Amino acid sequence: MNIKIPASPRRKTLIVVDVQPQTLAPEAKVLIPFMASFISKVDYSAYVEANYFADHNSMFFKQDGFLKTKEETGPSAQEVRVAISSKSAPHLLIEKNTRSCFKSSIGDEVRMFLERNEIEEVHFIGYDINDCVLASAYEAIDLGYFTYVIEELCHHWNADESLKRAAITIFRRQSMSNHGDHQLVQTIDVT
């Protein structure tokens, strides 16, 4: 699989959203090795790893009755954690009970981390493209970051293609996709 990403001179971070295999259907897990390969092959100025849970205080529970403890959602995929830890760039791990990774359970830490590391551009991979990735990407662009979702490395927890296509349509119309009209492009083979 070849993935094209914007190759701007800006300082970039990769935000890995909810890549927690305990919550994913087998069909959705097939992306995890490609994510790990991508992380190992592309250098970013910083990395953010966001893991979700749905406690009694979350809107997941209050609105939908959806309840998942930190133990039930578990950590990020081992392959992804290993790939990130092999990088010498700063790394922030957050736990969130919200959709946007910019609203973690202890506050404004993602935005402050990006500011400390002089980040201007963010790239997103992970799950759910139509939910937490979408909310996080919109928050990033509203905060003033150049924002791109790496389409090939995002999906829905149960591999629902219709939800993925709908989200991609939104990202492309807002110029928030790695498949936009970028002047400089880098192609990465993640197979």
Protein backbone atom coordinates (compact mmCIF):
# COMPACT_ATOMS: atom_id res chain seq x y z
CA MET A 1 0.00 0.00 0.00
CA ASN A 2 1.37 3.40 -1.02
CA ILE A 3 0.34 6.42 1.00
CA LYS A 4 0.80 9.99 -0.13
CA ILE A 5 1.17 12.67 2.51
CA PRO A 6 1.75 16.42 2.30
CA ALA A 7 5.48 17.13 2.41
CA SER A 8 5.48 20.70 3.67
CA PRO A 9 8.47 22.16 5.54
CA ARG A 10 6.27 22.77 8.61
CA ARG A 11 6.88 21.01 11.93
CA LYS A 12 4.41 18.13 12.07
CA THR A 13 2.98 15.73 14.59
CA LEU A 14 1.24 12.44 14.06
CA ILE A 15 -1.82 11.90 16.25
CA VAL A 16 -2.77 8.25 16.66
CA VAL A 17 -6.43 8.07 17.69
CA ASP A 18 -7.94 5.10 19.56
CA VAL A 19 -5.89 2.29 17.99
CA GLN A 20 -6.94 -0.06 20.78
CA PRO A 21 -7.32 -3.60 19.41
CA GLN A 22 -9.58 -4.77 22.24
CA THR A 23 -12.29 -2.50 20.83
CA LEU A 24 -11.89 -3.38 17.14
CA ALA A 25 -13.56 -5.98 14.96
CA PRO A 26 -11.11 -8.33 13.20
CA GLU A 27 -11.83 -6.67 9.84
CA ALA A 28 -10.77 -3.29 11.23
CA LYS A 29 -7.58 -4.61 12.84
CA VAL A 30 -6.03 -5.28 9.43
CA LEU A 31 -4.86 -1.65 9.31
CA ILE A 32 -2.72 -1.90 12.45
CA PRO A 33 0.41 -3.40 10.77
CA PHE A 34 0.20 -0.72 8.06
CA MET A 35 -0.05 1.97 10.76
CA ALA A 36 3.04 0.59 12.49
CA SER A 37 4.92 0.46 9.19
CA PHE A 38 3.90 4.04 8.40
CA ILE A 39 5.07 5.25 11.80
CA SER A 40 8.40 3.48 11.43
CA LYS A 41 9.01 4.93 7.95
CA VAL A 42 7.92 8.56 8.43
CA ASP A 43 9.58 10.97 10.82
CA TYR A 44 7.46 13.51 12.68
CA SER A 45 8.56 16.25 15.05
CA ALA A 46 6.30 14.81 17.77
CA TYR A 47 3.76 12.05 18.38
CA VAL A 48 0.47 11.99 20.27
CA GLU A 49 -1.16 8.70 21.20
CA ALA A 50 -4.78 9.06 22.32
CA ASN A 51 -6.69 6.24 23.99
CA TYR A 52 -10.38 6.44 24.79
CA PHE A 53 -12.55 5.02 27.51
CA ALA A 54 -16.20 5.65 28.34
CA ASP A 55 -16.81 6.11 32.04
CA HIS A 56 -19.98 7.29 33.78
CA ASN A 57 -18.85 10.93 33.33
CA SER A 58 -18.46 10.68 29.56
CA MET A 59 -20.99 11.84 27.00
CA PHE A 60 -20.62 8.38 25.46
CA PHE A 61 -22.40 7.07 28.55
CA LYS A 62 -24.69 10.01 29.26
CA GLN A 63 -26.07 10.20 25.72
CA ASP A 64 -25.86 6.61 24.48
CA GLY A 65 -25.44 4.50 27.62
CA PHE A 66 -22.09 3.32 26.21
CA LEU A 67 -19.79 2.29 29.04
CA LYS A 68 -16.25 0.91 28.63
CA THR A 69 -13.62 1.04 31.35
CA LYS A 70 -9.93 1.70 30.70
CA GLU A 71 -9.34 -2.00 31.26
CA GLU A 72 -11.96 -2.90 28.65
CA THR A 73 -10.64 -0.52 26.00
CA GLY A 74 -7.01 -1.34 26.76
CA PRO A 75 -3.83 0.29 25.46
CA SER A 76 -2.86 1.12 21.90
CA ALA A 77 -1.80 -1.76 19.69
CA GLN A 78 1.60 -3.13 20.68
CA GLU A 79 2.99 -2.69 17.14
CA VAL A 80 2.01 0.98 17.16
CA ARG A 81 3.48 1.59 20.62
CA VAL A 82 6.76 -0.05 19.59
CA ALA A 83 6.95 2.01 16.39
CA ILE A 84 6.35 5.27 18.28
CA SER A 85 8.80 4.38 21.06
CA SER A 86 11.52 3.74 18.46
CA LYS A 87 11.38 7.42 17.49
CA SER A 88 13.51 10.00 19.26
CA ALA A 89 10.84 12.70 18.92
CA PRO A 90 8.70 13.80 21.90
CA HIS A 91 5.70 11.57 22.60
CA LEU A 92 2.54 12.32 24.56
CA LEU A 93 0.16 9.59 25.70
CA ILE A 94 -3.31 10.73 26.75
CA GLU A 95 -6.45 9.03 27.93
CA LYS A 96 -9.71 10.64 26.96
CA ASN A 97 -13.37 10.11 27.70
CA THR A 98 -14.36 12.49 24.91
CA ARG A 99 -14.38 12.28 21.14
CA SER A 100 -11.75 14.94 20.49
CA CYS A 101 -8.23 14.15 21.65
CA PHE A 102 -7.87 17.87 22.36
CA LYS A 103 -10.22 17.43 25.30
CA SER A 104 -8.48 14.74 27.29
CA SER A 105 -9.50 13.72 30.78
CA ILE A 106 -6.96 16.06 32.42
CA GLY A 107 -7.36 19.15 30.27
CA ASP A 108 -5.57 21.00 27.52
CA GLU A 109 -2.43 18.87 27.41
CA VAL A 110 -2.44 18.11 23.66
CA ARG A 111 -2.59 21.75 22.61
CA MET A 112 0.12 22.67 25.14
CA PHE A 113 2.30 19.76 23.94
CA LEU A 114 1.94 20.92 20.32
CA GLU A 115 2.78 24.50 21.28
CA ARG A 116 5.86 23.41 23.29
CA ASN A 117 7.09 21.47 20.27
CA GLU A 118 6.31 24.31 17.83
CA ILE A 119 3.97 22.14 15.76
CA GLU A 120 2.19 23.77 12.84
CA GLU A 121 0.67 20.73 11.10
CA VAL A 122 -1.05 17.60 12.37
CA HIS A 123 -1.74 14.29 10.66
CA PHE A 124 -4.28 11.80 12.00
CA ILE A 125 -4.55 8.02 11.81
CA GLY A 126 -6.87 5.74 13.75
CA TYR A 127 -10.46 4.96 14.63
CA ASP A 128 -13.29 5.93 14.22
CA ILE A 129 -12.80 8.08 11.14
CA ASN A 130 -16.41 9.27 11.40
CA ASP A 131 -16.26 9.97 15.13
CA CYS A 132 -13.12 10.58 17.21
CA VAL A 133 -10.84 11.23 14.23
CA LEU A 134 -13.41 13.61 12.77
CA ALA A 135 -13.91 15.48 16.06
CA SER A 136 -10.16 15.72 16.66
CA ALA A 137 -9.41 16.90 13.12
CA TYR A 138 -12.02 19.66 13.30
CA GLU A 139 -10.70 20.74 16.68
CA ALA A 140 -7.15 20.86 15.27
CA ILE A 141 -8.11 23.00 12.31
CA ASP A 142 -10.16 25.30 14.58
CA LEU A 143 -7.05 25.72 16.75
CA GLY A 144 -5.09 26.90 13.71
CA TYR A 145 -3.16 23.78 12.71
CA PHE A 146 -2.81 22.62 9.12
CA THR A 147 -4.75 19.38 9.43
CA TYR A 148 -4.74 16.20 7.34
CA VAL A 149 -6.36 12.83 7.86
CA ILE A 150 -4.42 9.94 6.36
CA GLU A 151 -7.38 8.20 4.73
CA GLU A 152 -5.77 4.81 4.20
CA LEU A 153 -4.88 4.52 7.89
CA CYS A 154 -8.27 5.43 9.35
CA HIS A 155 -11.39 3.34 9.63
CA HIS A 156 -14.47 2.53 11.66
CA TRP A 157 -14.20 0.03 14.56
CA ASN A 158 -16.27 -2.57 12.69
CA ALA A 159 -14.88 -1.71 9.22
CA ASP A 160 -18.10 -0.03 8.08
CA GLU A 161 -17.12 1.20 4.62
CA SER A 162 -20.14 3.49 4.26
CA LEU A 163 -19.15 5.48 7.36
CA LYS A 164 -15.56 5.67 6.17
CA ARG A 165 -16.62 6.93 2.73
CA ALA A 166 -18.92 9.53 4.29
CA ALA A 167 -16.15 10.85 6.53
CA ILE A 168 -13.66 10.91 3.65
CA THR A 169 -16.12 12.96 1.61
CA ILE A 170 -16.27 15.50 4.43
CA PHE A 171 -12.47 15.64 4.81
CA ARG A 172 -11.90 16.05 1.08
CA ARG A 173 -14.45 18.85 0.79
CA GLN A 174 -12.72 20.67 3.65
CA SER A 175 -9.19 20.08 2.21
CA MET A 176 -8.37 18.03 5.31
CA SER A 177 -7.34 14.82 3.54
CA ASN A 178 -3.96 13.52 2.47
CA HIS A 179 -5.58 13.24 -0.98
CA GLY A 180 -5.98 16.98 -1.41
CA ASP A 181 -4.26 19.19 -3.91
CA HIS A 182 -0.84 19.45 -2.27
CA GLN A 183 2.10 21.02 -4.07
CA LEU A 184 4.66 18.76 -2.39
CA VAL A 185 3.86 15.13 -1.76
CA GLN A 186 5.84 12.32 -0.18
CA THR A 187 4.87 8.72 -1.03
CA ILE A 188 5.44 6.00 1.55
CA ASP A 189 5.20 2.27 0.86
CA VAL A 190 3.80 0.66 4.01
CA THR A 191 3.54 -2.93 2.75
